[in-house]
């Protein structure tokens, strides 16, 4: 994932839920630089195609200050 100041972050994750055609959930491995979890949901649209919704929760480095800096970038 892109991070502030042109850096990037990567992590290993495990699947926590997998409902075919509906959603995939994950959580990061315990050693992740940025602990995170989330879910990707898939919904068919009326006309055609699929709506994709991603919900991501993470703990930024440096706590609230890190969150503020991430928001600025």
C-alpha atoms as a PDB file:
ATOM      1  CA  UNK A   1       0.000   0.000   0.000  1.00  0.00           C
ATOM      2  CA  UNK A   2       1.154   3.544  -0.633  1.00  0.00           C
ATOM      3  CA  UNK A   3       2.262   5.422   2.466  1.00  0.00           C
ATOM      4  CA  UNK A   4       3.173   9.065   3.122  1.00  0.00           C
ATOM      5  CA  UNK A   5       6.306  10.638   1.664  1.00  0.00           C
ATOM      6  CA  UNK A   6       6.524   8.259  -1.288  1.00  0.00           C
ATOM      7  CA  UNK A   7       7.002   5.163   0.835  1.00  0.00           C
ATOM      8  CA  UNK A   8       5.045   1.932   0.831  1.00  0.00           C
ATOM      9  CA  UNK A   9       3.980  -0.691   3.348  1.00  0.00           C
ATOM     10  CA  UNK A  10       3.281  -4.377   2.822  1.00  0.00           C
ATOM     11  CA  UNK A  11       2.059  -7.158   5.063  1.00  0.00           C
ATOM     12  CA  UNK A  12       1.006 -10.773   5.204  1.00  0.00           C
ATOM     13  CA  UNK A  13      -2.658 -11.456   5.896  1.00  0.00           C
ATOM     14  CA  UNK A  14      -4.982 -14.355   6.543  1.00  0.00           C
ATOM     15  CA  UNK A  15      -8.481 -14.777   5.161  1.00  0.00           C
ATOM     16  CA  UNK A  16     -11.093 -14.545   7.935  1.00  0.00           C
ATOM     17  CA  UNK A  17     -14.207 -14.994   5.802  1.00  0.00           C
ATOM     18  CA  UNK A  18     -14.879 -16.022   2.232  1.00  0.00           C
ATOM     19  CA  UNK A  19     -18.423 -16.142   0.896  1.00  0.00           C
ATOM     20  CA  UNK A  20     -18.286 -16.856  -2.825  1.00  0.00           C
ATOM     21  CA  UNK A  21     -19.587 -13.943  -4.873  1.00  0.00           C
ATOM     22  CA  UNK A  22     -20.368 -11.886  -1.744  1.00  0.00           C
ATOM     23  CA  UNK A  23     -17.365 -11.022   0.416  1.00  0.00           C
ATOM     24  CA  UNK A  24     -13.772 -11.718   1.429  1.00  0.00           C
ATOM     25  CA  UNK A  25     -12.474 -10.683   4.848  1.00  0.00           C
ATOM     26  CA  UNK A  26      -8.899 -10.562   6.124  1.00  0.00           C
ATOM     27  CA  UNK A  27      -6.695  -9.595   9.050  1.00  0.00           C
ATOM     28  CA  UNK A  28      -3.003  -8.871   9.001  1.00  0.00           C
ATOM     29  CA  UNK A  29      -0.440 -11.192  10.523  1.00  0.00           C
ATOM     30  CA  UNK A  30       0.652 -10.309  14.056  1.00  0.00           C
ATOM     31  CA  UNK A  31       4.010  -8.953  12.830  1.00  0.00           C
ATOM     32  CA  UNK A  32       2.533  -6.403  10.391  1.00  0.00           C
ATOM     33  CA  UNK A  33       4.076  -2.923  10.463  1.00  0.00           C
ATOM     34  CA  UNK A  34       0.556  -1.523  10.228  1.00  0.00           C
ATOM     35  CA  UNK A  35      -1.950  -3.885  11.864  1.00  0.00           C
ATOM     36  CA  UNK A  36      -5.121  -3.977   9.767  1.00  0.00           C
ATOM     37  CA  UNK A  37      -8.253  -5.894   8.906  1.00  0.00           C
ATOM     38  CA  UNK A  38     -11.068  -5.490   6.479  1.00  0.00           C
ATOM     39  CA  UNK A  39     -13.632  -6.877   4.134  1.00  0.00           C
ATOM     40  CA  UNK A  40     -14.303  -6.554   0.406  1.00  0.00           C
ATOM     41  CA  UNK A  41     -17.996  -6.893  -0.488  1.00  0.00           C
ATOM     42  CA  UNK A  42     -19.395  -7.537  -3.957  1.00  0.00           C
ATOM     43  CA  UNK A  43     -22.928  -6.541  -4.979  1.00  0.00           C
ATOM     44  CA  UNK A  44     -24.530  -6.963  -8.370  1.00  0.00           C
ATOM     45  CA  UNK A  45     -25.943  -3.766  -9.872  1.00  0.00           C
ATOM     46  CA  UNK A  46     -29.346  -3.519 -11.557  1.00  0.00           C
ATOM     47  CA  UNK A  47     -27.990  -2.686 -15.001  1.00  0.00           C
ATOM     48  CA  UNK A  48     -24.712  -4.581 -15.245  1.00  0.00           C
ATOM     49  CA  UNK A  49     -21.439  -4.961 -13.463  1.00  0.00           C
ATOM     50  CA  UNK A  50     -20.568  -5.266  -9.807  1.00  0.00           C
ATOM     51  CA  UNK A  51     -20.318  -2.711  -7.026  1.00  0.00           C
ATOM     52  CA  UNK A  52     -17.237  -3.308  -4.879  1.00  0.00           C
ATOM     53  CA  UNK A  53     -17.098  -1.921  -1.349  1.00  0.00           C
ATOM     54  CA  UNK A  54     -13.928  -2.082   0.776  1.00  0.00           C
ATOM     55  CA  UNK A  55     -13.936  -1.481   4.516  1.00  0.00           C
ATOM     56  CA  UNK A  56     -10.459  -1.192   6.035  1.00  0.00           C
ATOM     57  CA  UNK A  57      -9.499  -0.695   9.665  1.00  0.00           C
ATOM     58  CA  UNK A  58      -5.889  -0.039  10.605  1.00  0.00           C
ATOM     59  CA  UNK A  59      -3.676   1.147  13.432  1.00  0.00           C
ATOM     60  CA  UNK A  60      -1.346   3.808  12.059  1.00  0.00           C
ATOM     61  CA  UNK A  61       2.217   4.015  13.332  1.00  0.00           C
ATOM     62  CA  UNK A  62       2.562   6.783  15.938  1.00  0.00           C
ATOM     63  CA  UNK A  63      -1.121   6.523  16.924  1.00  0.00           C
ATOM     64  CA  UNK A  64      -3.286   9.633  16.521  1.00  0.00           C
ATOM     65  CA  UNK A  65      -0.383  11.746  15.253  1.00  0.00           C
ATOM     66  CA  UNK A  66       0.337   9.123  12.580  1.00  0.00           C
ATOM     67  CA  UNK A  67      -3.344   9.090  11.608  1.00  0.00           C
ATOM     68  CA  UNK A  68      -3.333  12.868  11.198  1.00  0.00           C
ATOM     69  CA  UNK A  69      -0.225  12.755   9.036  1.00  0.00           C
ATOM     70  CA  UNK A  70      -1.707   9.937   6.902  1.00  0.00           C
ATOM     71  CA  UNK A  71      -4.891  11.967   6.430  1.00  0.00           C
ATOM     72  CA  UNK A  72      -2.861  14.927   5.155  1.00  0.00           C
ATOM     73  CA  UNK A  73      -1.276  12.758   2.482  1.00  0.00           C
END
